[in-house]
């Protein structure tokens, strides 16, 4: 019943015929029965049933428009011929983490003529010798196996997901980038045009006043710092000692 309740929540105020995407991950099915999932979901294009305890696909309803099916982390070991009967238009199928062991089990997918991407990662079948070569030969319609093609090129997101929505998102991002950059430039122009000059003058005038007030102190401090850096403390001591002598010499000159 938990699966049925979850589907009811997913529907909210919509009828099954209005739903294009349905996610019921981590809900538990009963004896392979997907309770609540019926033939009424005629418009369903994406279905995700990850880790729901499925052991069979025998009770999967007819979903003629389904293109992407997520079945990872279940206990499916066979009966894949049901998919071509119930979901003939699949382009993406994820069976990773199931109990699929033999090539003969996968052979049932030959009737899925539109299947482009198949994922069998973490299935025992992947340990077979020449596993990838055998799958590509058995299913010539498949372009990507476990996310890579026959040349070990990684599948683009749009291909791996079985749709091209990511391309649309990228286009939207590119279209949005231009106006954003223009807005930043406009902000800079506005700052310069809206009293920017007055602000600059006020700042300079304030700075000039500050410079006049602190000018003498600054020069004296600067000279003292330079003297400290160049001559050192000993030089200052020598000057203090010589001052009286210089005064004495001046007195002698005056006496003469």
C-alpha atoms as a PDB file:
ATOM      1  CA  UNK A   1       0.000   0.000   0.000  1.00  0.00           C
ATOM      2  CA  UNK A   2       2.978   2.298   0.549  1.00  0.00           C
ATOM      3  CA  UNK A   3       3.665   2.404  -3.182  1.00  0.00           C
ATOM      4  CA  UNK A   4       0.056   3.304  -3.882  1.00  0.00           C
ATOM      5  CA  UNK A   5       0.111   6.111  -1.300  1.00  0.00           C
ATOM      6  CA  UNK A   6       3.328   7.464  -2.790  1.00  0.00           C
ATOM      7  CA  UNK A   7       1.820   7.507  -6.265  1.00  0.00           C
ATOM      8  CA  UNK A   8      -1.219   9.310  -4.907  1.00  0.00           C
ATOM      9  CA  UNK A   9       1.062  11.988  -3.472  1.00  0.00           C
ATOM     10  CA  UNK A  10       2.900  12.282  -6.768  1.00  0.00           C
ATOM     11  CA  UNK A  11      -0.385  12.815  -8.572  1.00  0.00           C
ATOM     12  CA  UNK A  12      -1.511  15.593  -6.232  1.00  0.00           C
ATOM     13  CA  UNK A  13      -4.492  17.148  -8.041  1.00  0.00           C
ATOM     14  CA  UNK A  14      -3.783  15.591 -11.422  1.00  0.00           C
ATOM     15  CA  UNK A  15      -5.228  12.535 -13.092  1.00  0.00           C
ATOM     16  CA  UNK A  16      -2.897   9.700 -14.177  1.00  0.00           C
ATOM     17  CA  UNK A  17      -3.469  10.656 -17.823  1.00  0.00           C
ATOM     18  CA  UNK A  18      -1.935  14.097 -17.131  1.00  0.00           C
ATOM     19  CA  UNK A  19       1.322  12.796 -15.632  1.00  0.00           C
ATOM     20  CA  UNK A  20       4.448  12.697 -17.834  1.00  0.00           C
ATOM     21  CA  UNK A  21       7.027  11.909 -15.121  1.00  0.00           C
ATOM     22  CA  UNK A  22       6.693   9.679 -12.081  1.00  0.00           C
ATOM     23  CA  UNK A  23       9.308   8.930  -9.393  1.00  0.00           C
ATOM     24  CA  UNK A  24       8.607   6.319  -6.700  1.00  0.00           C
ATOM     25  CA  UNK A  25      12.177   5.513  -5.645  1.00  0.00           C
ATOM     26  CA  UNK A  26      12.759   3.608  -2.383  1.00  0.00           C
ATOM     27  CA  UNK A  27       9.126   2.620  -1.969  1.00  0.00           C
ATOM     28  CA  UNK A  28       8.571  -1.086  -1.371  1.00  0.00           C
ATOM     29  CA  UNK A  29       6.520  -3.171  -3.772  1.00  0.00           C
ATOM     30  CA  UNK A  30       4.707  -6.345  -2.793  1.00  0.00           C
ATOM     31  CA  UNK A  31       5.669  -9.530  -4.654  1.00  0.00           C
ATOM     32  CA  UNK A  32       6.721  -7.538  -7.681  1.00  0.00           C
ATOM     33  CA  UNK A  33       3.415  -5.717  -7.892  1.00  0.00           C
ATOM     34  CA  UNK A  34       3.647  -1.988  -8.480  1.00  0.00           C
ATOM     35  CA  UNK A  35       0.437  -1.120  -6.696  1.00  0.00           C
ATOM     36  CA  UNK A  36      -1.144   2.090  -7.916  1.00  0.00           C
ATOM     37  CA  UNK A  37       0.709   2.093 -11.234  1.00  0.00           C
ATOM     38  CA  UNK A  38      -1.929   1.298 -13.869  1.00  0.00           C
ATOM     39  CA  UNK A  39      -2.648   1.551 -17.570  1.00  0.00           C
ATOM     40  CA  UNK A  40      -4.202   4.942 -16.887  1.00  0.00           C
ATOM     41  CA  UNK A  41      -0.741   6.543 -17.095  1.00  0.00           C
ATOM     42  CA  UNK A  42      -1.016   6.737 -20.860  1.00  0.00           C
ATOM     43  CA  UNK A  43       1.095   9.891 -21.217  1.00  0.00           C
ATOM     44  CA  UNK A  44       3.938   8.761 -18.951  1.00  0.00           C
ATOM     45  CA  UNK A  45       7.353   9.339 -20.552  1.00  0.00           C
ATOM     46  CA  UNK A  46       9.676   8.927 -17.571  1.00  0.00           C
ATOM     47  CA  UNK A  47       9.322   6.378 -14.759  1.00  0.00           C
ATOM     48  CA  UNK A  48      11.807   5.823 -11.931  1.00  0.00           C
ATOM     49  CA  UNK A  49      11.459   2.833  -9.607  1.00  0.00           C
ATOM     50  CA  UNK A  50      14.876   2.635  -7.970  1.00  0.00           C
ATOM     51  CA  UNK A  51      15.236   0.251  -5.029  1.00  0.00           C
ATOM     52  CA  UNK A  52      11.596  -0.754  -4.716  1.00  0.00           C
ATOM     53  CA  UNK A  53      12.243  -4.494  -4.347  1.00  0.00           C
ATOM     54  CA  UNK A  54      11.061  -5.547  -7.798  1.00  0.00           C
ATOM     55  CA  UNK A  55      11.761  -9.160  -8.717  1.00  0.00           C
ATOM     56  CA  UNK A  56       9.691  -9.236 -11.891  1.00  0.00           C
ATOM     57  CA  UNK A  57       8.253  -6.926 -14.531  1.00  0.00           C
ATOM     58  CA  UNK A  58       5.259  -9.137 -15.188  1.00  0.00           C
ATOM     59  CA  UNK A  59       2.820  -6.690 -13.624  1.00  0.00           C
ATOM     60  CA  UNK A  60       4.182  -3.590 -15.308  1.00  0.00           C
ATOM     61  CA  UNK A  61       1.264  -1.748 -16.957  1.00  0.00           C
ATOM     62  CA  UNK A  62       1.139  -0.784 -20.612  1.00  0.00           C
ATOM     63  CA  UNK A  63       3.019   2.507 -21.026  1.00  0.00           C
ATOM     64  CA  UNK A  64       3.170   3.152 -24.780  1.00  0.00           C
ATOM     65  CA  UNK A  65       4.802   6.609 -24.525  1.00  0.00           C
ATOM     66  CA  UNK A  66       7.431   5.685 -21.941  1.00  0.00           C
ATOM     67  CA  UNK A  67      10.908   6.642 -23.144  1.00  0.00           C
ATOM     68  CA  UNK A  68      13.047   6.444 -20.021  1.00  0.00           C
ATOM     69  CA  UNK A  69      12.856   3.726 -17.376  1.00  0.00           C
ATOM     70  CA  UNK A  70      14.963   3.597 -14.199  1.00  0.00           C
ATOM     71  CA  UNK A  71      14.992   0.161 -12.542  1.00  0.00           C
ATOM     72  CA  UNK A  72      18.351   0.145 -10.777  1.00  0.00           C
ATOM     73  CA  UNK A  73      18.998  -1.594  -7.432  1.00  0.00           C
ATOM     74  CA  UNK A  74      16.163  -4.103  -7.652  1.00  0.00           C
ATOM     75  CA  UNK A  75      16.159  -7.930  -7.818  1.00  0.00           C
ATOM     76  CA  UNK A  76      15.226  -8.443 -11.458  1.00  0.00           C
ATOM     77  CA  UNK A  77      16.827 -11.525 -12.971  1.00  0.00           C
ATOM     78  CA  UNK A  78      14.804 -12.047 -16.154  1.00  0.00           C
ATOM     79  CA  UNK A  79      11.515 -11.500 -17.922  1.00  0.00           C
ATOM     80  CA  UNK A  80      12.807  -8.506 -19.876  1.00  0.00           C
ATOM     81  CA  UNK A  81      10.660  -9.438 -22.883  1.00  0.00           C
ATOM     82  CA  UNK A  82       7.809  -7.721 -21.024  1.00  0.00           C
ATOM     83  CA  UNK A  83       9.441  -4.367 -21.746  1.00  0.00           C
ATOM     84  CA  UNK A  84       9.032  -4.638 -25.511  1.00  0.00           C
ATOM     85  CA  UNK A  85       5.387  -5.524 -25.009  1.00  0.00           C
ATOM     86  CA  UNK A  86       4.490  -2.872 -22.435  1.00  0.00           C
ATOM     87  CA  UNK A  87       7.022  -0.103 -23.254  1.00  0.00           C
ATOM     88  CA  UNK A  88       7.893  -0.468 -26.951  1.00  0.00           C
ATOM     89  CA  UNK A  89       9.260   3.075 -27.325  1.00  0.00           C
ATOM     90  CA  UNK A  90      11.970   2.977 -24.670  1.00  0.00           C
ATOM     91  CA  UNK A  91      15.158   4.827 -25.585  1.00  0.00           C
ATOM     92  CA  UNK A  92      16.876   4.573 -22.182  1.00  0.00           C
ATOM     93  CA  UNK A  93      16.888   1.648 -19.751  1.00  0.00           C
ATOM     94  CA  UNK A  94      18.786   1.442 -16.476  1.00  0.00           C
ATOM     95  CA  UNK A  95      19.047  -2.058 -14.998  1.00  0.00           C
ATOM     96  CA  UNK A  96      22.189  -1.518 -12.940  1.00  0.00           C
ATOM     97  CA  UNK A  97      22.431  -3.351  -9.626  1.00  0.00           C
ATOM     98  CA  UNK A  98      20.037  -6.143 -10.582  1.00  0.00           C
ATOM     99  CA  UNK A  99      20.486  -9.934 -10.793  1.00  0.00           C
ATOM    100  CA  UNK A 100      21.115 -10.204 -14.523  1.00  0.00           C
ATOM    101  CA  UNK A 101      23.771 -12.825 -15.225  1.00  0.00           C
ATOM    102  CA  UNK A 102      23.406 -14.197 -18.756  1.00  0.00           C
ATOM    103  CA  UNK A 103      23.516 -12.749 -22.257  1.00  0.00           C
ATOM    104  CA  UNK A 104      20.380 -14.723 -23.074  1.00  0.00           C
ATOM    105  CA  UNK A 105      18.497 -12.589 -20.547  1.00  0.00           C
ATOM    106  CA  UNK A 106      19.511  -9.377 -22.329  1.00  0.00           C
ATOM    107  CA  UNK A 107      18.685 -10.866 -25.715  1.00  0.00           C
ATOM    108  CA  UNK A 108      15.015 -10.171 -24.956  1.00  0.00           C
ATOM    109  CA  UNK A 109      15.748  -6.462 -25.455  1.00  0.00           C
ATOM    110  CA  UNK A 110      16.305  -6.923 -29.196  1.00  0.00           C
ATOM    111  CA  UNK A 111      12.690  -5.976 -29.846  1.00  0.00           C
ATOM    112  CA  UNK A 112      13.195  -2.538 -28.292  1.00  0.00           C
ATOM    113  CA  UNK A 113      14.078  -0.980 -31.638  1.00  0.00           C
ATOM    114  CA  UNK A 114      14.468   2.561 -30.264  1.00  0.00           C
ATOM    115  CA  UNK A 115      16.732   1.638 -27.352  1.00  0.00           C
ATOM    116  CA  UNK A 116      19.872   3.796 -27.499  1.00  0.00           C
ATOM    117  CA  UNK A 117      21.247   3.631 -23.967  1.00  0.00           C
ATOM    118  CA  UNK A 118      21.456   0.578 -21.696  1.00  0.00           C
ATOM    119  CA  UNK A 119      22.976   0.434 -18.220  1.00  0.00           C
ATOM    120  CA  UNK A 120      23.914  -2.914 -16.659  1.00  0.00           C
ATOM    121  CA  UNK A 121      26.510  -1.602 -14.225  1.00  0.00           C
ATOM    122  CA  UNK A 122      26.965  -3.749 -11.077  1.00  0.00           C
ATOM    123  CA  UNK A 123      25.140  -6.676 -12.670  1.00  0.00           C
ATOM    124  CA  UNK A 124      26.929 -10.032 -12.690  1.00  0.00           C
ATOM    125  CA  UNK A 125      26.762 -10.101 -16.483  1.00  0.00           C
ATOM    126  CA  UNK A 126      29.452  -7.409 -16.621  1.00  0.00           C
ATOM    127  CA  UNK A 127      32.039  -9.960 -15.403  1.00  0.00           C
ATOM    128  CA  UNK A 128      31.660 -12.079 -18.535  1.00  0.00           C
ATOM    129  CA  UNK A 129      34.570 -12.159 -20.947  1.00  0.00           C
ATOM    130  CA  UNK A 130      34.129  -9.675 -23.802  1.00  0.00           C
ATOM    131  CA  UNK A 131      30.975  -8.437 -22.133  1.00  0.00           C
ATOM    132  CA  UNK A 132      30.825  -5.113 -23.955  1.00  0.00           C
ATOM    133  CA  UNK A 133      31.577  -6.536 -27.384  1.00  0.00           C
ATOM    134  CA  UNK A 134      28.913  -9.203 -26.899  1.00  0.00           C
ATOM    135  CA  UNK A 135      26.224  -6.722 -25.840  1.00  0.00           C
ATOM    136  CA  UNK A 136      26.881  -4.364 -28.757  1.00  0.00           C
ATOM    137  CA  UNK A 137      26.736  -7.328 -31.147  1.00  0.00           C
ATOM    138  CA  UNK A 138      23.572  -8.684 -29.561  1.00  0.00           C
ATOM    139  CA  UNK A 139      21.847  -5.266 -29.475  1.00  0.00           C
ATOM    140  CA  UNK A 140      23.018  -3.323 -32.538  1.00  0.00           C
ATOM    141  CA  UNK A 141      20.476  -0.550 -31.902  1.00  0.00           C
ATOM    142  CA  UNK A 142      22.223   0.350 -28.611  1.00  0.00           C
ATOM    143  CA  UNK A 143      24.712   3.219 -28.898  1.00  0.00           C
ATOM    144  CA  UNK A 144      25.764   3.562 -25.276  1.00  0.00           C
ATOM    145  CA  UNK A 145      26.405   0.746 -22.800  1.00  0.00           C
ATOM    146  CA  UNK A 146      27.029   1.738 -19.182  1.00  0.00           C
ATOM    147  CA  UNK A 147      27.516   5.322 -20.333  1.00  0.00           C
ATOM    148  CA  UNK A 148      30.072   4.688 -23.117  1.00  0.00           C
ATOM    149  CA  UNK A 149      29.896   3.805 -26.798  1.00  0.00           C
ATOM    150  CA  UNK A 150      31.928   1.130 -28.589  1.00  0.00           C
ATOM    151  CA  UNK A 151      34.876   3.516 -28.925  1.00  0.00           C
ATOM    152  CA  UNK A 152      34.801   4.261 -25.181  1.00  0.00           C
ATOM    153  CA  UNK A 153      33.458   7.760 -25.751  1.00  0.00           C
ATOM    154  CA  UNK A 154      31.301   8.961 -22.888  1.00  0.00           C
ATOM    155  CA  UNK A 155      27.670   9.596 -23.655  1.00  0.00           C
ATOM    156  CA  UNK A 156      26.512  13.221 -23.629  1.00  0.00           C
ATOM    157  CA  UNK A 157      23.958  13.929 -20.915  1.00  0.00           C
ATOM    158  CA  UNK A 158      21.188  14.274 -23.454  1.00  0.00           C
ATOM    159  CA  UNK A 159      21.933  10.832 -24.887  1.00  0.00           C
ATOM    160  CA  UNK A 160      22.479   9.169 -21.521  1.00  0.00           C
ATOM    161  CA  UNK A 161      19.169  10.459 -20.248  1.00  0.00           C
ATOM    162  CA  UNK A 162      17.366   9.452 -23.396  1.00  0.00           C
ATOM    163  CA  UNK A 163      16.202  13.000 -24.166  1.00  0.00           C
ATOM    164  CA  UNK A 164      17.500  16.358 -25.319  1.00  0.00           C
ATOM    165  CA  UNK A 165      16.334  18.533 -22.429  1.00  0.00           C
ATOM    166  CA  UNK A 166      19.888  19.371 -21.389  1.00  0.00           C
ATOM    167  CA  UNK A 167      20.535  20.965 -24.761  1.00  0.00           C
ATOM    168  CA  UNK A 168      17.579  23.254 -24.203  1.00  0.00           C
ATOM    169  CA  UNK A 169      18.877  24.172 -20.757  1.00  0.00           C
ATOM    170  CA  UNK A 170      22.288  24.991 -22.198  1.00  0.00           C
ATOM    171  CA  UNK A 171      20.645  27.215 -24.805  1.00  0.00           C
ATOM    172  CA  UNK A 172      18.705  28.966 -22.073  1.00  0.00           C
ATOM    173  CA  UNK A 173      21.900  29.515 -20.089  1.00  0.00           C
ATOM    174  CA  UNK A 174      23.662  30.938 -23.120  1.00  0.00           C
ATOM    175  CA  UNK A 175      20.743  33.219 -23.895  1.00  0.00           C
ATOM    176  CA  UNK A 176      20.653  34.383 -20.297  1.00  0.00           C
ATOM    177  CA  UNK A 177      24.391  35.069 -20.154  1.00  0.00           C
ATOM    178  CA  UNK A 178      24.257  37.938 -22.645  1.00  0.00           C
ATOM    179  CA  UNK A 179      21.670  40.081 -20.867  1.00  0.00           C
ATOM    180  CA  UNK A 180      23.396  39.488 -17.546  1.00  0.00           C
ATOM    181  CA  UNK A 181      26.644  40.843 -18.900  1.00  0.00           C
ATOM    182  CA  UNK A 182      24.840  43.807 -20.446  1.00  0.00           C
ATOM    183  CA  UNK A 183      23.152  44.579 -17.146  1.00  0.00           C
ATOM    184  CA  UNK A 184      26.526  44.749 -15.410  1.00  0.00           C
ATOM    185  CA  UNK A 185      27.819  47.180 -18.007  1.00  0.00           C
ATOM    186  CA  UNK A 186      24.654  49.263 -17.698  1.00  0.00           C
ATOM    187  CA  UNK A 187      25.143  49.478 -13.955  1.00  0.00           C
ATOM    188  CA  UNK A 188      28.644  50.829 -14.448  1.00  0.00           C
ATOM    189  CA  UNK A 189      27.390  53.399 -16.950  1.00  0.00           C
ATOM    190  CA  UNK A 190      24.614  54.463 -14.607  1.00  0.00           C
ATOM    191  CA  UNK A 191      27.063  55.012 -11.787  1.00  0.00           C
ATOM    192  CA  UNK A 192      29.125  57.260 -14.018  1.00  0.00           C
ATOM    193  CA  UNK A 193      26.132  59.222 -15.297  1.00  0.00           C
ATOM    194  CA  UNK A 194      24.145  59.588 -12.078  1.00  0.00           C
ATOM    195  CA  UNK A 195      26.265  62.071 -10.134  1.00  0.00           C
ATOM    196  CA  UNK A 196      29.415  60.024 -10.532  1.00  0.00           C
ATOM    197  CA  UNK A 197      31.465  63.170 -11.185  1.00  0.00           C
ATOM    198  CA  UNK A 198      30.187  64.940  -8.054  1.00  0.00           C
ATOM    199  CA  UNK A 199      31.041  61.969  -5.898  1.00  0.00           C
ATOM    200  CA  UNK A 200      34.513  61.923  -7.376  1.00  0.00           C
ATOM    201  CA  UNK A 201      35.068  65.632  -6.729  1.00  0.00           C
ATOM    202  CA  UNK A 202      33.813  65.408  -3.178  1.00  0.00           C
ATOM    203  CA  UNK A 203      36.149  62.558  -2.561  1.00  0.00           C
ATOM    204  CA  UNK A 204      39.128  64.437  -4.020  1.00  0.00           C
ATOM    205  CA  UNK A 205      38.290  67.594  -2.081  1.00  0.00           C
ATOM    206  CA  UNK A 206      38.024  65.648   1.124  1.00  0.00           C
ATOM    207  CA  UNK A 207      41.290  63.950   0.398  1.00  0.00           C
ATOM    208  CA  UNK A 208      42.946  67.295  -0.342  1.00  0.00           C
ATOM    209  CA  UNK A 209      41.771  68.778   2.952  1.00  0.00           C
ATOM    210  CA  UNK A 210      43.075  65.791   4.792  1.00  0.00           C
ATOM    211  CA  UNK A 211      46.411  66.123   3.035  1.00  0.00           C
ATOM    212  CA  UNK A 212      46.721  69.828   3.993  1.00  0.00           C
ATOM    213  CA  UNK A 213      45.992  69.152   7.640  1.00  0.00           C
ATOM    214  CA  UNK A 214      48.364  66.264   7.928  1.00  0.00           C
ATOM    215  CA  UNK A 215      50.973  67.475   5.443  1.00  0.00           C
ATOM    216  CA  UNK A 216      53.530  68.820   7.918  1.00  0.00           C
ATOM    217  CA  UNK A 217      53.217  65.926  10.277  1.00  0.00           C
ATOM    218  CA  UNK A 218      53.437  63.507   7.417  1.00  0.00           C
ATOM    219  CA  UNK A 219      56.615  65.103   6.041  1.00  0.00           C
ATOM    220  CA  UNK A 220      58.286  65.156   9.450  1.00  0.00           C
ATOM    221  CA  UNK A 221      57.349  61.549  10.098  1.00  0.00           C
ATOM    222  CA  UNK A 222      58.541  60.557   6.659  1.00  0.00           C
ATOM    223  CA  UNK A 223      61.897  62.299   7.150  1.00  0.00           C
ATOM    224  CA  UNK A 224      62.356  60.650  10.500  1.00  0.00           C
ATOM    225  CA  UNK A 225      61.515  57.257   9.055  1.00  0.00           C
ATOM    226  CA  UNK A 226      63.953  57.744   6.182  1.00  0.00           C
ATOM    227  CA  UNK A 227      66.624  58.869   8.617  1.00  0.00           C
ATOM    228  CA  UNK A 228      66.028  55.781  10.726  1.00  0.00           C
ATOM    229  CA  UNK A 229      66.276  53.530   7.706  1.00  0.00           C
ATOM    230  CA  UNK A 230      69.404  55.110   6.218  1.00  0.00           C
ATOM    231  CA  UNK A 231      71.498  56.264   9.201  1.00  0.00           C
ATOM    232  CA  UNK A 232      70.305  54.129  12.098  1.00  0.00           C
ATOM    233  CA  UNK A 233      70.045  54.990  15.762  1.00  0.00           C
ATOM    234  CA  UNK A 234      73.843  55.381  16.212  1.00  0.00           C
ATOM    235  CA  UNK A 235      74.016  58.261  13.772  1.00  0.00           C
ATOM    236  CA  UNK A 236      71.445  60.197  15.725  1.00  0.00           C
ATOM    237  CA  UNK A 237      73.482  59.652  18.889  1.00  0.00           C
ATOM    238  CA  UNK A 238      76.591  61.018  17.217  1.00  0.00           C
ATOM    239  CA  UNK A 239      74.746  64.116  16.114  1.00  0.00           C
ATOM    240  CA  UNK A 240      73.564  64.783  19.647  1.00  0.00           C
ATOM    241  CA  UNK A 241      77.122  64.539  20.929  1.00  0.00           C
ATOM    242  CA  UNK A 242      78.479  66.831  18.273  1.00  0.00           C
ATOM    243  CA  UNK A 243      75.995  69.622  18.832  1.00  0.00           C
ATOM    244  CA  UNK A 244      77.654  71.019  21.967  1.00  0.00           C
ATOM    245  CA  UNK A 245      81.073  70.904  20.315  1.00  0.00           C
ATOM    246  CA  UNK A 246      79.770  72.766  17.322  1.00  0.00           C
ATOM    247  CA  UNK A 247      78.321  75.374  19.617  1.00  0.00           C
ATOM    248  CA  UNK A 248      81.685  75.663  21.363  1.00  0.00           C
ATOM    249  CA  UNK A 249      83.509  76.190  18.115  1.00  0.00           C
ATOM    250  CA  UNK A 250      81.071  78.914  17.157  1.00  0.00           C
ATOM    251  CA  UNK A 251      81.702  80.666  20.502  1.00  0.00           C
ATOM    252  CA  UNK A 252      85.439  80.524  19.928  1.00  0.00           C
ATOM    253  CA  UNK A 253      85.018  82.083  16.521  1.00  0.00           C
ATOM    254  CA  UNK A 254      82.942  84.853  18.017  1.00  0.00           C
ATOM    255  CA  UNK A 255      85.621  85.523  20.665  1.00  0.00           C
ATOM    256  CA  UNK A 256      88.229  85.796  17.984  1.00  0.00           C
END
